[in-house]
Amino acid sequence: QVQLVESGGGLVQAGGSLRLSCTVRGSSFSGNAVGWFRQAPGKGREMVALITSAGTTNYRDSVKGRFTISGDSAKNTHYLQMNSLKPEDTAVYYCYFGTTEGPSWGPGTQVTVSS
């Protein structure tokens, strides 16, 4: 059974930085896609950033140039470096692990950006 362990959320002022990490247990990063989604109050869950084991990345437009996703296959861990944070980035961030058998999700970590 796949388990996703997240860390790194918190409260930060606008313009600040945070780094989220997610470790995948029970499966391998190799050949699969990992990333982050987020959900703000009253809104749907949206893709933030994805990375494949081949290193291909994809970002939502509003975070391009500010967020960077990276992966460490040896540790089965991936990271989301978030810089120049804005109040509109406030949301619960969910780690995502996608395989041919379907997606797995972490429990979520709160990111709050104060103005």
PDB file of N, CA and C in Angstrom:
ATOM      1  N   GLN A   1       0.848  -1.197   0.000  1.00  0.00           N
ATOM      2  CA  GLN A   1       0.000   0.000   0.000  1.00  0.00           C
ATOM      3  C   GLN A   1       0.880   1.242   0.000  1.00  0.00           C
ATOM      4  N   VAL A   2       0.543   2.184  -0.868  1.00  0.00           N
ATOM      5  CA  VAL A   2       1.331   3.406  -0.990  1.00  0.00           C
ATOM      6  C   VAL A   2       0.975   4.379   0.129  1.00  0.00           C
ATOM      7  N   GLN A   3       1.984   4.961   0.736  1.00  0.00           N
ATOM      8  CA  GLN A   3       1.786   5.983   1.755  1.00  0.00           C
ATOM      9  C   GLN A   3       2.627   7.195   1.379  1.00  0.00           C
ATOM     10  N   LEU A   4       2.018   8.367   1.457  1.00  0.00           N
ATOM     11  CA  LEU A   4       2.713   9.612   1.137  1.00  0.00           C
ATOM     12  C   LEU A   4       2.869  10.429   2.414  1.00  0.00           C
ATOM     13  N   VAL A   5       4.114  10.798   2.730  1.00  0.00           N
ATOM     14  CA  VAL A   5       4.400  11.532   3.961  1.00  0.00           C
ATOM     15  C   VAL A   5       4.855  12.933   3.581  1.00  0.00           C
ATOM     16  N   GLU A   6       4.071  13.928   3.978  1.00  0.00           N
ATOM     17  CA  GLU A   6       4.336  15.320   3.627  1.00  0.00           C
ATOM     18  C   GLU A   6       4.931  16.078   4.807  1.00  0.00           C
ATOM     19  N   SER A   7       5.671  17.123   4.469  1.00  0.00           N
ATOM     20  CA  SER A   7       6.135  18.043   5.503  1.00  0.00           C
ATOM     21  C   SER A   7       6.465  19.381   4.857  1.00  0.00           C
ATOM     22  N   GLY A   8       6.549  20.431   5.692  1.00  0.00           N
ATOM     23  CA  GLY A   8       7.041  21.707   5.210  1.00  0.00           C
ATOM     24  C   GLY A   8       6.046  22.834   5.112  1.00  0.00           C
ATOM     25  N   GLY A   9       4.785  22.604   5.387  1.00  0.00           N
ATOM     26  CA  GLY A   9       3.818  23.690   5.331  1.00  0.00           C
ATOM     27  C   GLY A   9       4.001  24.654   6.495  1.00  0.00           C
ATOM     28  N   GLY A  10       3.222  25.731   6.490  1.00  0.00           N
ATOM     29  CA  GLY A  10       3.298  26.686   7.582  1.00  0.00           C
ATOM     30  C   GLY A  10       2.774  28.048   7.200  1.00  0.00           C
ATOM     31  N   LEU A  11       3.091  29.018   8.047  1.00  0.00           N
ATOM     32  CA  LEU A  11       2.656  30.406   7.863  1.00  0.00           C
ATOM     33  C   LEU A  11       3.855  31.256   7.462  1.00  0.00           C
ATOM     34  N   VAL A  12       3.673  32.052   6.434  1.00  0.00           N
ATOM     35  CA  VAL A  12       4.750  32.899   5.949  1.00  0.00           C
ATOM     36  C   VAL A  12       4.172  34.209   5.442  1.00  0.00           C
ATOM     37  N   GLN A  13       4.949  35.257   5.501  1.00  0.00           N
ATOM     38  CA  GLN A  13       4.503  36.551   4.972  1.00  0.00           C
ATOM     39  C   GLN A  13       4.642  36.566   3.445  1.00  0.00           C
ATOM     40  N   ALA A  14       3.859  37.403   2.832  1.00  0.00           N
ATOM     41  CA  ALA A  14       3.947  37.563   1.382  1.00  0.00           C
ATOM     42  C   ALA A  14       5.379  37.913   0.984  1.00  0.00           C
ATOM     43  N   GLY A  15       5.839  37.269  -0.079  1.00  0.00           N
ATOM     44  CA  GLY A  15       7.216  37.455  -0.518  1.00  0.00           C
ATOM     45  C   GLY A  15       8.179  36.440   0.044  1.00  0.00           C
ATOM     46  N   GLY A  16       7.724  35.677   1.022  1.00  0.00           N
ATOM     47  CA  GLY A  16       8.568  34.687   1.657  1.00  0.00           C
ATOM     48  C   GLY A  16       8.627  33.373   0.902  1.00  0.00           C
ATOM     49  N   SER A  17       9.301  32.404   1.507  1.00  0.00           N
ATOM     50  CA  SER A  17       9.511  31.105   0.863  1.00  0.00           C
ATOM     51  C   SER A  17       9.180  29.959   1.812  1.00  0.00           C
ATOM     52  N   LEU A  18       8.785  28.854   1.227  1.00  0.00           N
ATOM     53  CA  LEU A  18       8.591  27.596   1.942  1.00  0.00           C
ATOM     54  C   LEU A  18       9.027  26.471   1.022  1.00  0.00           C
ATOM     55  N   ARG A  19       9.411  25.349   1.624  1.00  0.00           N
ATOM     56  CA  ARG A  19       9.698  24.157   0.840  1.00  0.00           C
ATOM     57  C   ARG A  19       8.884  22.991   1.380  1.00  0.00           C
ATOM     58  N   LEU A  20       8.116  22.389   0.499  1.00  0.00           N
ATOM     59  CA  LEU A  20       7.347  21.202   0.842  1.00  0.00           C
ATOM     60  C   LEU A  20       8.117  19.966   0.387  1.00  0.00           C
ATOM     61  N   SER A  21       7.989  18.898   1.145  1.00  0.00           N
ATOM     62  CA  SER A  21       8.578  17.635   0.729  1.00  0.00           C
ATOM     63  C   SER A  21       7.558  16.518   0.865  1.00  0.00           C
ATOM     64  N   CYS A  22       7.729  15.508   0.046  1.00  0.00           N
ATOM     65  CA  CYS A  22       6.830  14.359   0.074  1.00  0.00           C
ATOM     66  C   CYS A  22       7.636  13.099  -0.182  1.00  0.00           C
ATOM     67  N   THR A  23       7.565  12.171   0.740  1.00  0.00           N
ATOM     68  CA  THR A  23       8.238  10.882   0.596  1.00  0.00           C
ATOM     69  C   THR A  23       7.213   9.810   0.280  1.00  0.00           C
ATOM     70  N   VAL A  24       7.503   9.036  -0.759  1.00  0.00           N
ATOM     71  CA  VAL A  24       6.627   7.944  -1.166  1.00  0.00           C
ATOM     72  C   VAL A  24       7.121   6.646  -0.534  1.00  0.00           C
ATOM     73  N   ARG A  25       6.243   5.995   0.208  1.00  0.00           N
ATOM     74  CA  ARG A  25       6.574   4.709   0.819  1.00  0.00           C
ATOM     75  C   ARG A  25       5.677   3.632   0.241  1.00  0.00           C
ATOM     76  N   GLY A  26       6.281   2.479  -0.068  1.00  0.00           N
ATOM     77  CA  GLY A  26       5.510   1.358  -0.579  1.00  0.00           C
ATOM     78  C   GLY A  26       5.478   1.257  -2.083  1.00  0.00           C
ATOM     79  N   SER A  27       6.158   2.177  -2.762  1.00  0.00           N
ATOM     80  CA  SER A  27       6.238   2.108  -4.210  1.00  0.00           C
ATOM     81  C   SER A  27       7.459   2.892  -4.655  1.00  0.00           C
ATOM     82  N   SER A  28       7.709   2.857  -5.932  1.00  0.00           N
ATOM     83  CA  SER A  28       8.901   3.517  -6.460  1.00  0.00           C
ATOM     84  C   SER A  28       8.537   4.728  -7.293  1.00  0.00           C
ATOM     85  N   PHE A  29       9.324   5.738  -7.176  1.00  0.00           N
ATOM     86  CA  PHE A  29       9.181   6.941  -7.986  1.00  0.00           C
ATOM     87  C   PHE A  29       9.426   6.623  -9.468  1.00  0.00           C
ATOM     88  N   SER A  30      10.271   5.640  -9.728  1.00  0.00           N
ATOM     89  CA  SER A  30      10.670   5.329 -11.090  1.00  0.00           C
ATOM     90  C   SER A  30       9.478   4.940 -11.956  1.00  0.00           C
ATOM     91  N   GLY A  31       9.362   5.601 -13.116  1.00  0.00           N
ATOM     92  CA  GLY A  31       8.311   5.283 -14.061  1.00  0.00           C
ATOM     93  C   GLY A  31       6.968   5.910 -13.762  1.00  0.00           C
ATOM     94  N   ASN A  32       6.912   6.702 -12.713  1.00  0.00           N
ATOM     95  CA  ASN A  32       5.642   7.308 -12.316  1.00  0.00           C
ATOM     96  C   ASN A  32       5.762   8.824 -12.256  1.00  0.00           C
ATOM     97  N   ALA A  33       4.646   9.462 -11.994  1.00  0.00           N
ATOM     98  CA  ALA A  33       4.611  10.916 -11.876  1.00  0.00           C
ATOM     99  C   ALA A  33       4.272  11.296 -10.444  1.00  0.00           C
ATOM    100  N   VAL A  34       4.906  12.349  -9.961  1.00  0.00           N
ATOM    101  CA  VAL A  34       4.627  12.858  -8.623  1.00  0.00           C
ATOM    102  C   VAL A  34       4.440  14.364  -8.724  1.00  0.00           C
ATOM    103  N   GLY A  35       3.836  14.923  -7.699  1.00  0.00           N
ATOM    104  CA  GLY A  35       3.666  16.368  -7.743  1.00  0.00           C
ATOM    105  C   GLY A  35       2.818  16.871  -6.605  1.00  0.00           C
ATOM    106  N   TRP A  36       2.260  18.068  -6.829  1.00  0.00           N
ATOM    107  CA  TRP A  36       1.475  18.761  -5.819  1.00  0.00           C
ATOM    108  C   TRP A  36       0.222  19.364  -6.423  1.00  0.00           C
ATOM    109  N   PHE A  37      -0.861  19.220  -5.694  1.00  0.00           N
ATOM    110  CA  PHE A  37      -2.104  19.903  -5.972  1.00  0.00           C
ATOM    111  C   PHE A  37      -2.417  20.762  -4.755  1.00  0.00           C
ATOM    112  N   ARG A  38      -3.346  21.693  -4.921  1.00  0.00           N
ATOM    113  CA  ARG A  38      -3.768  22.502  -3.782  1.00  0.00           C
ATOM    114  C   ARG A  38      -5.251  22.780  -3.850  1.00  0.00           C
ATOM    115  N   GLN A  39      -5.808  23.068  -2.679  1.00  0.00           N
ATOM    116  CA  GLN A  39      -7.228  23.389  -2.600  1.00  0.00           C
ATOM    117  C   GLN A  39      -7.429  24.504  -1.593  1.00  0.00           C
ATOM    118  N   ALA A  40      -7.935  25.617  -2.062  1.00  0.00           N
ATOM    119  CA  ALA A  40      -8.252  26.756  -1.208  1.00  0.00           C
ATOM    120  C   ALA A  40      -9.700  26.633  -0.742  1.00  0.00           C
ATOM    121  N   PRO A  41     -10.052  27.292   0.353  1.00  0.00           N
ATOM    122  CA  PRO A  41     -11.434  27.213   0.852  1.00  0.00           C
ATOM    123  C   PRO A  41     -12.446  27.615  -0.212  1.00  0.00           C
ATOM    124  N   GLY A  42     -13.448  26.774  -0.400  1.00  0.00           N
ATOM    125  CA  GLY A  42     -14.504  27.070  -1.354  1.00  0.00           C
ATOM    126  C   GLY A  42     -14.151  26.849  -2.801  1.00  0.00           C
ATOM    127  N   LYS A  43     -12.968  26.302  -3.057  1.00  0.00           N
ATOM    128  CA  LYS A  43     -12.528  26.081  -4.436  1.00  0.00           C
ATOM    129  C   LYS A  43     -12.194  24.614  -4.674  1.00  0.00           C
ATOM    130  N   GLY A  44     -12.084  24.244  -5.929  1.00  0.00           N
ATOM    131  CA  GLY A  44     -11.730  22.876  -6.273  1.00  0.00           C
ATOM    132  C   GLY A  44     -10.236  22.640  -6.178  1.00  0.00           C
ATOM    133  N   ARG A  45      -9.874  21.366  -6.214  1.00  0.00           N
ATOM    134  CA  ARG A  45      -8.457  21.017  -6.161  1.00  0.00           C
ATOM    135  C   ARG A  45      -7.820  21.302  -7.524  1.00  0.00           C
ATOM    136  N   GLU A  46      -6.657  21.930  -7.516  1.00  0.00           N
ATOM    137  CA  GLU A  46      -5.991  22.297  -8.763  1.00  0.00           C
ATOM    138  C   GLU A  46      -4.541  21.846  -8.770  1.00  0.00           C
ATOM    139  N   MET A  47      -4.064  21.512  -9.952  1.00  0.00           N
ATOM    140  CA  MET A  47      -2.685  21.091 -10.108  1.00  0.00           C
ATOM    141  C   MET A  47      -1.764  22.280  -9.907  1.00  0.00           C
ATOM    142  N   VAL A  48      -0.690  22.071  -9.152  1.00  0.00           N
ATOM    143  CA  VAL A  48       0.318  23.106  -8.956  1.00  0.00           C
ATOM    144  C   VAL A  48       1.564  22.786  -9.774  1.00  0.00           C
ATOM    145  N   ALA A  49       2.097  21.588  -9.580  1.00  0.00           N
ATOM    146  CA  ALA A  49       3.314  21.192 -10.284  1.00  0.00           C
ATOM    147  C   ALA A  49       3.408  19.680 -10.320  1.00  0.00           C
ATOM    148  N   LEU A  50       3.927  19.164 -11.423  1.00  0.00           N
ATOM    149  CA  LEU A  50       4.129  17.741 -11.593  1.00  0.00           C
ATOM    150  C   LEU A  50       5.525  17.485 -12.137  1.00  0.00           C
ATOM    151  N   ILE A  51       6.070  16.321 -11.809  1.00  0.00           N
ATOM    152  CA  ILE A  51       7.352  15.902 -12.368  1.00  0.00           C
ATOM    153  C   ILE A  51       7.312  14.400 -12.602  1.00  0.00           C
ATOM    154  N   THR A  52       7.863  13.979 -13.739  1.00  0.00           N
ATOM    155  CA  THR A  52       7.946  12.550 -14.016  1.00  0.00           C
ATOM    156  C   THR A  52       9.326  12.047 -13.603  1.00  0.00           C
ATOM    157  N   SER A  53       9.480  10.739 -13.559  1.00  0.00           N
ATOM    158  CA  SER A  53      10.782  10.177 -13.193  1.00  0.00           C
ATOM    159  C   SER A  53      11.842  10.499 -14.244  1.00  0.00           C
ATOM    160  N   ALA A  54      11.397  10.862 -15.452  1.00  0.00           N
ATOM    161  CA  ALA A  54      12.332  11.271 -16.499  1.00  0.00           C
ATOM    162  C   ALA A  54      12.747  12.731 -16.351  1.00  0.00           C
ATOM    163  N   GLY A  55      12.108  13.445 -15.397  1.00  0.00           N
ATOM    164  CA  GLY A  55      12.476  14.827 -15.146  1.00  0.00           C
ATOM    165  C   GLY A  55      11.628  15.861 -15.851  1.00  0.00           C
ATOM    166  N   THR A  56      10.614  15.434 -16.577  1.00  0.00           N
ATOM    167  CA  THR A  56       9.716  16.384 -17.236  1.00  0.00           C
ATOM    168  C   THR A  56       8.827  17.067 -16.204  1.00  0.00           C
ATOM    169  N   THR A  57       8.748  18.398 -16.279  1.00  0.00           N
ATOM    170  CA  THR A  57       7.953  19.152 -15.308  1.00  0.00           C
ATOM    171  C   THR A  57       6.798  19.878 -15.984  1.00  0.00           C
ATOM    172  N   ASN A  58       5.792  20.167 -15.177  1.00  0.00           N
ATOM    173  CA  ASN A  58       4.630  20.905 -15.644  1.00  0.00           C
ATOM    174  C   ASN A  58       4.132  21.749 -14.483  1.00  0.00           C
ATOM    175  N   TYR A  59       3.848  23.028 -14.741  1.00  0.00           N
ATOM    176  CA  TYR A  59       3.402  23.953 -13.701  1.00  0.00           C
ATOM    177  C   TYR A  59       2.132  24.665 -14.136  1.00  0.00           C
ATOM    178  N   ARG A  60       1.311  25.028 -13.154  1.00  0.00           N
ATOM    179  CA  ARG A  60       0.193  25.893 -13.496  1.00  0.00           C
ATOM    180  C   ARG A  60       0.765  27.286 -13.749  1.00  0.00           C
ATOM    181  N   ASP A  61       0.123  28.041 -14.598  1.00  0.00           N
ATOM    182  CA  ASP A  61       0.659  29.317 -15.046  1.00  0.00           C
ATOM    183  C   ASP A  61       0.951  30.272 -13.893  1.00  0.00           C
ATOM    184  N   SER A  62       0.093  30.293 -12.881  1.00  0.00           N
ATOM    185  CA  SER A  62       0.223  31.292 -11.823  1.00  0.00           C
ATOM    186  C   SER A  62       1.443  31.078 -10.925  1.00  0.00           C
ATOM    187  N   VAL A  63       2.082  29.918 -11.013  1.00  0.00           N
ATOM    188  CA  VAL A  63       3.254  29.667 -10.156  1.00  0.00           C
ATOM    189  C   VAL A  63       4.557  29.589 -10.952  1.00  0.00           C
ATOM    190  N   LYS A  64       4.453  29.653 -12.269  1.00  0.00           N
ATOM    191  CA  LYS A  64       5.664  29.582 -13.093  1.00  0.00           C
ATOM    192  C   LYS A  64       6.616  30.716 -12.738  1.00  0.00           C
ATOM    193  N   GLY A  65       7.894  30.375 -12.592  1.00  0.00           N
ATOM    194  CA  GLY A  65       8.898  31.367 -12.234  1.00  0.00           C
ATOM    195  C   GLY A  65       9.037  31.575 -10.738  1.00  0.00           C
ATOM    196  N   ARG A  66       8.082  31.043  -9.960  1.00  0.00           N
ATOM    197  CA  ARG A  66       8.134  31.202  -8.500  1.00  0.00           C
ATOM    198  C   ARG A  66       8.329  29.861  -7.785  1.00  0.00           C
ATOM    199  N   PHE A  67       7.716  28.820  -8.319  1.00  0.00           N
ATOM    200  CA  PHE A  67       7.786  27.493  -7.706  1.00  0.00           C
ATOM    201  C   PHE A  67       8.681  26.589  -8.551  1.00  0.00           C
ATOM    202  N   THR A  68       9.388  25.690  -7.864  1.00  0.00           N
ATOM    203  CA  THR A  68      10.230  24.710  -8.556  1.00  0.00           C
ATOM    204  C   THR A  68      10.016  23.342  -7.937  1.00  0.00           C
ATOM    205  N   ILE A  69       9.696  22.371  -8.776  1.00  0.00           N
ATOM    206  CA  ILE A  69       9.536  21.000  -8.302  1.00  0.00           C
ATOM    207  C   ILE A  69      10.787  20.210  -8.676  1.00  0.00           C
ATOM    208  N   SER A  70      11.203  19.348  -7.759  1.00  0.00           N
ATOM    209  CA  SER A  70      12.366  18.504  -8.020  1.00  0.00           C
ATOM    210  C   SER A  70      12.167  17.168  -7.335  1.00  0.00           C
ATOM    211  N   GLY A  71      12.928  16.181  -7.795  1.00  0.00           N
ATOM    212  CA  GLY A  71      12.783  14.848  -7.236  1.00  0.00           C
ATOM    213  C   GLY A  71      14.112  14.203  -6.932  1.00  0.00           C
ATOM    214  N   ASP A  72      14.123  13.355  -5.923  1.00  0.00           N
ATOM    215  CA  ASP A  72      15.290  12.559  -5.559  1.00  0.00           C
ATOM    216  C   ASP A  72      14.848  11.104  -5.581  1.00  0.00           C
ATOM    217  N   SER A  73      15.117  10.416  -6.693  1.00  0.00           N
ATOM    218  CA  SER A  73      14.653   9.042  -6.842  1.00  0.00           C
ATOM    219  C   SER A  73      15.257   8.112  -5.799  1.00  0.00           C
ATOM    220  N   ALA A  74      16.495   8.361  -5.415  1.00  0.00           N
ATOM    221  CA  ALA A  74      17.153   7.501  -4.430  1.00  0.00           C
ATOM    222  C   ALA A  74      16.445   7.543  -3.082  1.00  0.00           C
ATOM    223  N   LYS A  75      15.845   8.694  -2.765  1.00  0.00           N
ATOM    224  CA  LYS A  75      15.126   8.849  -1.500  1.00  0.00           C
ATOM    225  C   LYS A  75      13.617   8.703  -1.666  1.00  0.00           C
ATOM    226  N   ASN A  76      13.173   8.480  -2.914  1.00  0.00           N
ATOM    227  CA  ASN A  76      11.733   8.428  -3.177  1.00  0.00           C
ATOM    228  C   ASN A  76      11.030   9.673  -2.631  1.00  0.00           C
ATOM    229  N   THR A  77      11.693  10.791  -2.739  1.00  0.00           N
ATOM    230  CA  THR A  77      11.186  12.038  -2.184  1.00  0.00           C
ATOM    231  C   THR A  77      11.193  13.115  -3.258  1.00  0.00           C
ATOM    232  N   HIS A  78      10.153  13.943  -3.279  1.00  0.00           N
ATOM    233  CA  HIS A  78      10.173  15.099  -4.155  1.00  0.00           C
ATOM    234  C   HIS A  78       9.847  16.351  -3.357  1.00  0.00           C
ATOM    235  N   TYR A  79      10.215  17.478  -3.926  1.00  0.00           N
ATOM    236  CA  TYR A  79      10.167  18.737  -3.216  1.00  0.00           C
ATOM    237  C   TYR A  79       9.468  19.795  -4.062  1.00  0.00           C
ATOM    238  N   LEU A  80       8.857  20.733  -3.369  1.00  0.00           N
ATOM    239  CA  LEU A  80       8.296  21.903  -4.031  1.00  0.00           C
ATOM    240  C   LEU A  80       8.859  23.133  -3.330  1.00  0.00           C
ATOM    241  N   GLN A  81       9.772  23.813  -3.991  1.00  0.00           N
ATOM    242  CA  GLN A  81      10.321  25.057  -3.476  1.00  0.00           C
ATOM    243  C   GLN A  81       9.420  26.189  -3.928  1.00  0.00           C
ATOM    244  N   MET A  82       8.889  26.921  -2.961  1.00  0.00           N
ATOM    245  CA  MET A  82       7.941  27.991  -3.260  1.00  0.00           C
ATOM    246  C   MET A  82       8.546  29.321  -2.833  1.00  0.00           C
ATOM    247  N   ASN A  83       8.816  30.171  -3.797  1.00  0.00           N
ATOM    248  CA  ASN A  83       9.386  31.493  -3.533  1.00  0.00           C
ATOM    249  C   ASN A  83       8.391  32.576  -3.918  1.00  0.00           C
ATOM    250  N   SER A  84       8.645  33.774  -3.435  1.00  0.00           N
ATOM    251  CA  SER A  84       7.783  34.932  -3.749  1.00  0.00           C
ATOM    252  C   SER A  84       6.320  34.593  -3.520  1.00  0.00           C
ATOM    253  N   LEU A  85       6.041  34.006  -2.390  1.00  0.00           N
ATOM    254  CA  LEU A  85       4.670  33.560  -2.099  1.00  0.00           C
ATOM    255  C   LEU A  85       3.707  34.740  -2.013  1.00  0.00           C
ATOM    256  N   LYS A  86       2.489  34.478  -2.449  1.00  0.00           N
ATOM    257  CA  LYS A  86       1.427  35.485  -2.460  1.00  0.00           C
ATOM    258  C   LYS A  86       0.260  34.995  -1.612  1.00  0.00           C
ATOM    259  N   PRO A  87      -0.561  35.906  -1.101  1.00  0.00           N
ATOM    260  CA  PRO A  87      -1.733  35.478  -0.320  1.00  0.00           C
ATOM    261  C   PRO A  87      -2.623  34.504  -1.088  1.00  0.00           C
ATOM    262  N   GLU A  88      -2.708  34.640  -2.391  1.00  0.00           N
ATOM    263  CA  GLU A  88      -3.544  33.736  -3.180  1.00  0.00           C
ATOM    264  C   GLU A  88      -2.959  32.328  -3.297  1.00  0.00           C
ATOM    265  N   ASP A  89      -1.748  32.117  -2.801  1.00  0.00           N
ATOM    266  CA  ASP A  89      -1.185  30.770  -2.738  1.00  0.00           C
ATOM    267  C   ASP A  89      -1.672  30.017  -1.497  1.00  0.00           C
ATOM    268  N   THR A  90      -2.375  30.697  -0.630  1.00  0.00           N
ATOM    269  CA  THR A  90      -2.892  30.059   0.586  1.00  0.00           C
ATOM    270  C   THR A  90      -3.841  28.929   0.230  1.00  0.00           C
ATOM    271  N   ALA A  91      -3.554  27.749   0.752  1.00  0.00           N
ATOM    272  CA  ALA A  91      -4.357  26.565   0.444  1.00  0.00           C
ATOM    273  C   ALA A  91      -3.813  25.377   1.233  1.00  0.00           C
ATOM    274  N   VAL A  92      -4.547  24.290   1.181  1.00  0.00           N
ATOM    275  CA  VAL A  92      -4.002  23.007   1.630  1.00  0.00           C
ATOM    276  C   VAL A  92      -3.327  22.372   0.420  1.00  0.00           C
ATOM    277  N   TYR A  93      -2.087  21.997   0.584  1.00  0.00           N
ATOM    278  CA  TYR A  93      -1.309  21.405  -0.495  1.00  0.00           C
ATOM    279  C   TYR A  93      -1.245  19.889  -0.298  1.00  0.00           C
ATOM    280  N   TYR A  94      -1.557  19.165  -1.372  1.00  0.00           N
ATOM    281  CA  TYR A  94      -1.608  17.706  -1.327  1.00  0.00           C
ATOM    282  C   TYR A  94      -0.526  17.113  -2.219  1.00  0.00           C
ATOM    283  N   CYS A  95       0.209  16.195  -1.650  1.00  0.00           N
ATOM    284  CA  CYS A  95       1.172  15.425  -2.432  1.00  0.00           C
ATOM    285  C   CYS A  95       0.415  14.433  -3.316  1.00  0.00           C
ATOM    286  N   TYR A  96       0.884  14.267  -4.526  1.00  0.00           N
ATOM    287  CA  TYR A  96       0.240  13.393  -5.507  1.00  0.00           C
ATOM    288  C   TYR A  96       1.260  12.391  -6.022  1.00  0.00           C
ATOM    289  N   PHE A  97       0.798  11.135  -6.185  1.00  0.00           N
ATOM    290  CA  PHE A  97       1.632  10.077  -6.751  1.00  0.00           C
ATOM    291  C   PHE A  97       0.767   9.330  -7.742  1.00  0.00           C
ATOM    292  N   GLY A  98       1.143   9.378  -9.009  1.00  0.00           N
ATOM    293  CA  GLY A  98       0.314   8.789 -10.055  1.00  0.00           C
ATOM    294  C   GLY A  98       0.966   7.611 -10.729  1.00  0.00           C
ATOM    295  N   THR A  99       0.239   6.509 -10.801  1.00  0.00           N
ATOM    296  CA  THR A  99       0.714   5.319 -11.494  1.00  0.00           C
ATOM    297  C   THR A  99      -0.382   4.839 -12.443  1.00  0.00           C
ATOM    298  N   THR A 100      -0.087   3.784 -13.201  1.00  0.00           N
ATOM    299  CA  THR A 100      -1.085   3.230 -14.110  1.00  0.00           C
ATOM    300  C   THR A 100      -2.261   2.634 -13.353  1.00  0.00           C
ATOM    301  N   GLU A 101      -2.073   2.395 -12.048  1.00  0.00           N
ATOM    302  CA  GLU A 101      -3.159   1.841 -11.232  1.00  0.00           C
ATOM    303  C   GLU A 101      -4.033   2.928 -10.615  1.00  0.00           C
ATOM    304  N   GLY A 102      -3.640   4.185 -10.821  1.00  0.00           N
ATOM    305  CA  GLY A 102      -4.438   5.283 -10.294  1.00  0.00           C
ATOM    306  C   GLY A 102      -3.638   6.164  -9.354  1.00  0.00           C
ATOM    307  N   PRO A 103      -4.240   7.259  -8.881  1.00  0.00           N
ATOM    308  CA  PRO A 103      -3.525   8.225  -8.042  1.00  0.00           C
ATOM    309  C   PRO A 103      -3.582   7.879  -6.557  1.00  0.00           C
ATOM    310  N   SER A 104      -2.559   8.348  -5.845  1.00  0.00           N
ATOM    311  CA  SER A 104      -2.551   8.313  -4.386  1.00  0.00           C
ATOM    312  C   SER A 104      -2.317   9.727  -3.899  1.00  0.00           C
ATOM    313  N   TRP A 105      -2.859  10.027  -2.717  1.00  0.00           N
ATOM    314  CA  TRP A 105      -2.792  11.393  -2.186  1.00  0.00           C
ATOM    315  C   TRP A 105      -2.256  11.391  -0.755  1.00  0.00           C
ATOM    316  N   GLY A 106      -1.502  12.437  -0.438  1.00  0.00           N
ATOM    317  CA  GLY A 106      -1.103  12.650   0.932  1.00  0.00           C
ATOM    318  C   GLY A 106      -2.246  13.278   1.719  1.00  0.00           C
ATOM    319  N   PRO A 107      -2.098  13.395   3.042  1.00  0.00           N
ATOM    320  CA  PRO A 107      -3.165  13.944   3.884  1.00  0.00           C
ATOM    321  C   PRO A 107      -3.333  15.454   3.728  1.00  0.00           C
ATOM    322  N   GLY A 108      -2.339  16.134   3.165  1.00  0.00           N
ATOM    323  CA  GLY A 108      -2.424  17.581   2.980  1.00  0.00           C
ATOM    324  C   GLY A 108      -1.647  18.333   4.039  1.00  0.00           C
ATOM    325  N   THR A 109      -1.064  19.449   3.634  1.00  0.00           N
ATOM    326  CA  THR A 109      -0.346  20.323   4.556  1.00  0.00           C
ATOM    327  C   THR A 109      -0.755  21.768   4.265  1.00  0.00           C
ATOM    328  N   GLN A 110      -1.046  22.507   5.331  1.00  0.00           N
ATOM    329  CA  GLN A 110      -1.562  23.867   5.169  1.00  0.00           C
ATOM    330  C   GLN A 110      -0.428  24.849   4.874  1.00  0.00           C
ATOM    331  N   VAL A 111      -0.638  25.658   3.863  1.00  0.00           N
ATOM    332  CA  VAL A 111       0.254  26.781   3.552  1.00  0.00           C
ATOM    333  C   VAL A 111      -0.577  28.049   3.648  1.00  0.00           C
ATOM    334  N   THR A 112      -0.164  28.955   4.518  1.00  0.00           N
ATOM    335  CA  THR A 112      -0.866  30.216   4.705  1.00  0.00           C
ATOM    336  C   THR A 112       0.095  31.365   4.464  1.00  0.00           C
ATOM    337  N   VAL A 113      -0.281  32.255   3.550  1.00  0.00           N
ATOM    338  CA  VAL A 113       0.551  33.409   3.205  1.00  0.00           C
ATOM    339  C   VAL A 113      -0.186  34.670   3.646  1.00  0.00           C
ATOM    340  N   SER A 114       0.398  35.398   4.578  1.00  0.00           N
ATOM    341  CA  SER A 114      -0.241  36.616   5.084  1.00  0.00           C
ATOM    342  C   SER A 114       0.210  37.829   4.276  1.00  0.00           C
ATOM    343  N   SER A 115      -0.681  38.781   4.158  1.00  0.00           N
ATOM    344  CA  SER A 115      -0.366  39.984   3.370  1.00  0.00           C
ATOM    345  C   SER A 115       0.272  41.057   4.234  1.00  0.00           C
TER     346      SER A 115
END
